[in-house]
Amino acid sequence: MNNEELINVYGGGFSFTATWLNAIARTINTIMDIGRSVGTSLRMIFSGTKC
């Protein structure tokens, strides 16, 4: 492909697609799950309860 054809190409790595949104949502959910686990562990340690 020459430079003129490359300029007219749409999409590729710079587009903000559903794949990116899904990856961001999964990352946020993972961080929140880790926070819940740590919070539960700390609460159980300080209250002296066990599973």
N, C-alpha and C. Protein backbone atom coordinates (compact mmCIF):
# COMPACT_ATOMS: atom_id res chain seq x y z
N MET A 1 0.84 -1.17 0.00
CA MET A 1 0.00 0.00 0.00
C MET A 1 0.89 1.25 0.00
N ASN A 2 0.43 2.25 -0.71
CA ASN A 2 1.19 3.50 -0.70
C ASN A 2 0.65 4.43 0.39
N ASN A 3 1.27 5.58 0.55
CA ASN A 3 0.91 6.49 1.64
C ASN A 3 -0.52 7.00 1.54
N GLU A 4 -1.01 7.27 0.34
CA GLU A 4 -2.38 7.75 0.18
C GLU A 4 -3.39 6.71 0.63
N GLU A 5 -3.13 5.45 0.31
CA GLU A 5 -4.03 4.39 0.73
C GLU A 5 -3.98 4.19 2.24
N LEU A 6 -2.81 4.30 2.83
CA LEU A 6 -2.67 4.14 4.27
C LEU A 6 -3.39 5.24 5.04
N ILE A 7 -3.42 6.45 4.51
CA ILE A 7 -4.12 7.56 5.16
C ILE A 7 -5.62 7.28 5.22
N ASN A 8 -6.17 6.59 4.22
CA ASN A 8 -7.62 6.34 4.15
C ASN A 8 -8.06 5.12 4.95
N VAL A 9 -7.14 4.42 5.60
CA VAL A 9 -7.51 3.24 6.38
C VAL A 9 -8.13 3.69 7.69
N TYR A 10 -9.31 3.15 8.00
CA TYR A 10 -10.01 3.46 9.25
C TYR A 10 -9.94 2.25 10.17
N GLY A 11 -10.00 2.50 11.48
CA GLY A 11 -9.98 1.42 12.45
C GLY A 11 -8.56 1.13 12.88
N GLY A 12 -8.33 -0.07 13.30
CA GLY A 12 -7.01 -0.45 13.74
C GLY A 12 -6.82 -0.27 15.23
N GLY A 13 -5.59 -0.08 15.64
CA GLY A 13 -5.24 -0.03 17.04
C GLY A 13 -5.68 1.21 17.77
N PHE A 14 -6.08 2.24 17.08
CA PHE A 14 -6.41 3.50 17.74
C PHE A 14 -7.90 3.69 17.97
N SER A 15 -8.70 2.76 17.54
CA SER A 15 -10.14 2.94 17.70
C SER A 15 -10.57 2.48 19.09
N PHE A 16 -11.51 3.20 19.66
CA PHE A 16 -12.04 2.88 20.98
C PHE A 16 -13.26 2.01 20.78
N THR A 17 -13.08 0.72 20.93
CA THR A 17 -14.14 -0.23 20.58
C THR A 17 -14.71 -0.92 21.81
N ALA A 18 -15.65 -1.78 21.58
CA ALA A 18 -16.27 -2.56 22.65
C ALA A 18 -15.25 -3.45 23.35
N THR A 19 -14.23 -3.87 22.63
CA THR A 19 -13.19 -4.69 23.24
C THR A 19 -12.47 -3.91 24.34
N TRP A 20 -12.16 -2.65 24.06
CA TRP A 20 -11.51 -1.81 25.08
C TRP A 20 -12.44 -1.56 26.25
N LEU A 21 -13.71 -1.29 25.98
CA LEU A 21 -14.67 -1.07 27.06
C LEU A 21 -14.80 -2.31 27.94
N ASN A 22 -14.83 -3.47 27.32
CA ASN A 22 -14.92 -4.71 28.07
C ASN A 22 -13.68 -4.92 28.93
N ALA A 23 -12.52 -4.64 28.38
CA ALA A 23 -11.27 -4.79 29.15
C ALA A 23 -11.24 -3.84 30.33
N ILE A 24 -11.68 -2.62 30.14
CA ILE A 24 -11.70 -1.64 31.24
C ILE A 24 -12.69 -2.07 32.31
N ALA A 25 -13.86 -2.53 31.90
CA ALA A 25 -14.87 -2.98 32.86
C ALA A 25 -14.37 -4.17 33.67
N ARG A 26 -13.70 -5.11 33.02
CA ARG A 26 -13.17 -6.27 33.73
C ARG A 26 -12.07 -5.87 34.70
N THR A 27 -11.25 -4.91 34.31
CA THR A 27 -10.19 -4.44 35.20
C THR A 27 -10.78 -3.79 36.44
N ILE A 28 -11.79 -2.96 36.25
CA ILE A 28 -12.45 -2.31 37.39
C ILE A 28 -13.09 -3.35 38.29
N ASN A 29 -13.76 -4.34 37.72
CA ASN A 29 -14.38 -5.39 38.53
C ASN A 29 -13.33 -6.19 39.30
N THR A 30 -12.20 -6.46 38.68
CA THR A 30 -11.14 -7.20 39.36
C THR A 30 -10.60 -6.41 40.54
N ILE A 31 -10.36 -5.11 40.33
CA ILE A 31 -9.87 -4.27 41.42
C ILE A 31 -10.88 -4.22 42.56
N MET A 32 -12.16 -4.11 42.23
CA MET A 32 -13.19 -4.08 43.27
C MET A 32 -13.28 -5.40 44.01
N ASP A 33 -13.13 -6.52 43.32
CA ASP A 33 -13.15 -7.83 43.97
C ASP A 33 -11.97 -7.98 44.92
N ILE A 34 -10.80 -7.50 44.51
CA ILE A 34 -9.63 -7.55 45.39
C ILE A 34 -9.87 -6.71 46.63
N GLY A 35 -10.45 -5.54 46.45
CA GLY A 35 -10.76 -4.67 47.58
C GLY A 35 -11.74 -5.32 48.55
N ARG A 36 -12.76 -5.98 48.01
CA ARG A 36 -13.73 -6.67 48.87
C ARG A 36 -13.06 -7.79 49.66
N SER A 37 -12.19 -8.54 49.00
CA SER A 37 -11.50 -9.64 49.67
C SER A 37 -10.60 -9.14 50.79
N VAL A 38 -9.85 -8.08 50.50
CA VAL A 38 -8.97 -7.51 51.52
C VAL A 38 -9.80 -6.95 52.67
N GLY A 39 -10.89 -6.26 52.37
CA GLY A 39 -11.75 -5.71 53.40
C GLY A 39 -12.35 -6.80 54.28
N THR A 40 -12.81 -7.88 53.67
CA THR A 40 -13.37 -8.99 54.43
C THR A 40 -12.31 -9.62 55.31
N SER A 41 -11.11 -9.80 54.77
CA SER A 41 -10.02 -10.39 55.55
C SER A 41 -9.68 -9.52 56.75
N LEU A 42 -9.56 -8.23 56.54
CA LEU A 42 -9.23 -7.33 57.65
C LEU A 42 -10.33 -7.33 58.71
N ARG A 43 -11.58 -7.33 58.26
CA ARG A 43 -12.69 -7.34 59.21
C ARG A 43 -12.68 -8.62 60.04
N MET A 44 -12.38 -9.75 59.40
CA MET A 44 -12.35 -11.02 60.13
C MET A 44 -11.17 -11.08 61.08
N ILE A 45 -10.03 -10.51 60.70
CA ILE A 45 -8.86 -10.49 61.57
C ILE A 45 -9.14 -9.66 62.80
N PHE A 46 -9.69 -8.46 62.61
CA PHE A 46 -9.90 -7.56 63.74
C PHE A 46 -11.07 -7.98 64.64
N SER A 47 -12.06 -8.67 64.07
CA SER A 47 -13.19 -9.11 64.90
C SER A 47 -12.94 -10.49 65.51
N GLY A 48 -11.94 -11.21 65.03
CA GLY A 48 -11.59 -12.51 65.59
C GLY A 48 -12.47 -13.64 65.09
N THR A 49 -13.24 -13.43 64.04
CA THR A 49 -14.10 -14.50 63.51
C THR A 49 -13.34 -15.29 62.46
N LYS A 50 -13.83 -16.51 62.23
CA LYS A 50 -13.24 -17.37 61.22
C LYS A 50 -14.34 -17.94 60.33
N CYS A 51 -13.98 -18.33 59.15
CA CYS A 51 -14.95 -18.92 58.22
C CYS A 51 -15.38 -20.29 58.68
